[in-house]
Structure formats: C-alpha cells, structure tokens
C-alpha cells in the first residue's frame, strides 16, 4: 500500500497522497520498533539470570 501511495504522488503530485505515504511510513517504523523492542529486552533479562 505504501508503494501505491508513493506512485500516486509521483504521478499526480497530490500532496494528500504524499502525506498518507509519510504517515504510513511512520506508523510502519513504529510497529517495527515495538516488535523488536520487547524481544531485545527479553534477551537481556535472560542474560542477567
């Protein structure tokens, strides 16, 4: 979906498409951080025990 919104922006110059692309990119980065964050913490807790 992110690629689609970028394609629409590059073809039309529609600022709404760019803002949607940017928001989706930021949300995706946040989700990846949330997924990798706890896994790293769990690994550290296991090392301490």
Protein backbone atom coordinates (compact mmCIF):
# COMPACT_ATOMS: atom_id res chain seq x y z
CA UNK A 1 0.00 0.00 0.00
CA UNK A 2 2.89 2.34 0.75
CA UNK A 3 4.29 1.83 -2.74
CA UNK A 4 0.89 2.61 -4.22
CA UNK A 5 0.59 5.92 -2.38
CA UNK A 6 4.13 6.88 -3.44
CA UNK A 7 3.31 6.01 -7.06
CA UNK A 8 0.14 8.13 -6.93
CA UNK A 9 2.15 11.04 -5.52
CA UNK A 10 4.88 10.81 -8.14
CA UNK A 11 2.35 10.58 -10.98
CA UNK A 12 -0.06 13.28 -9.79
CA UNK A 13 1.86 15.46 -7.33
CA UNK A 14 -1.09 15.11 -4.94
CA UNK A 15 0.02 16.31 -1.51
CA UNK A 16 -2.64 14.17 0.18
CA UNK A 17 -1.06 11.04 -1.32
CA UNK A 18 2.35 12.14 -0.02
CA UNK A 19 1.01 12.85 3.46
CA UNK A 20 -0.66 9.44 3.53
CA UNK A 21 2.61 7.82 2.38
CA UNK A 22 4.55 9.64 5.08
CA UNK A 23 2.03 8.69 7.79
CA UNK A 24 2.07 5.04 6.72
CA UNK A 25 5.86 5.03 6.73
CA UNK A 26 5.96 6.49 10.25
CA UNK A 27 3.39 4.01 11.52
CA UNK A 28 5.33 1.13 9.97
CA UNK A 29 8.55 2.25 11.61
CA UNK A 30 6.78 2.50 14.97
CA UNK A 31 5.38 -1.01 14.65
CA UNK A 32 8.78 -2.44 13.77
CA UNK A 33 10.29 -0.74 16.81
CA UNK A 34 7.52 -2.10 19.01
CA UNK A 35 8.05 -5.61 17.70
CA UNK A 36 11.85 -5.62 18.09
CA UNK A 37 11.90 -3.63 21.34
CA UNK A 38 10.44 -6.24 23.75
CA UNK A 39 12.39 -9.08 22.13
CA UNK A 40 15.64 -7.30 22.86
CA UNK A 41 14.58 -6.63 26.47
CA UNK A 42 13.65 -10.29 26.98
CA UNK A 43 17.07 -11.34 25.74
CA UNK A 44 18.74 -9.00 28.22
CA UNK A 45 16.63 -10.34 31.11
CA UNK A 46 17.61 -13.91 30.24
CA UNK A 47 21.29 -12.93 30.24
CA UNK A 48 21.00 -11.43 33.74
CA UNK A 49 19.53 -14.59 35.27
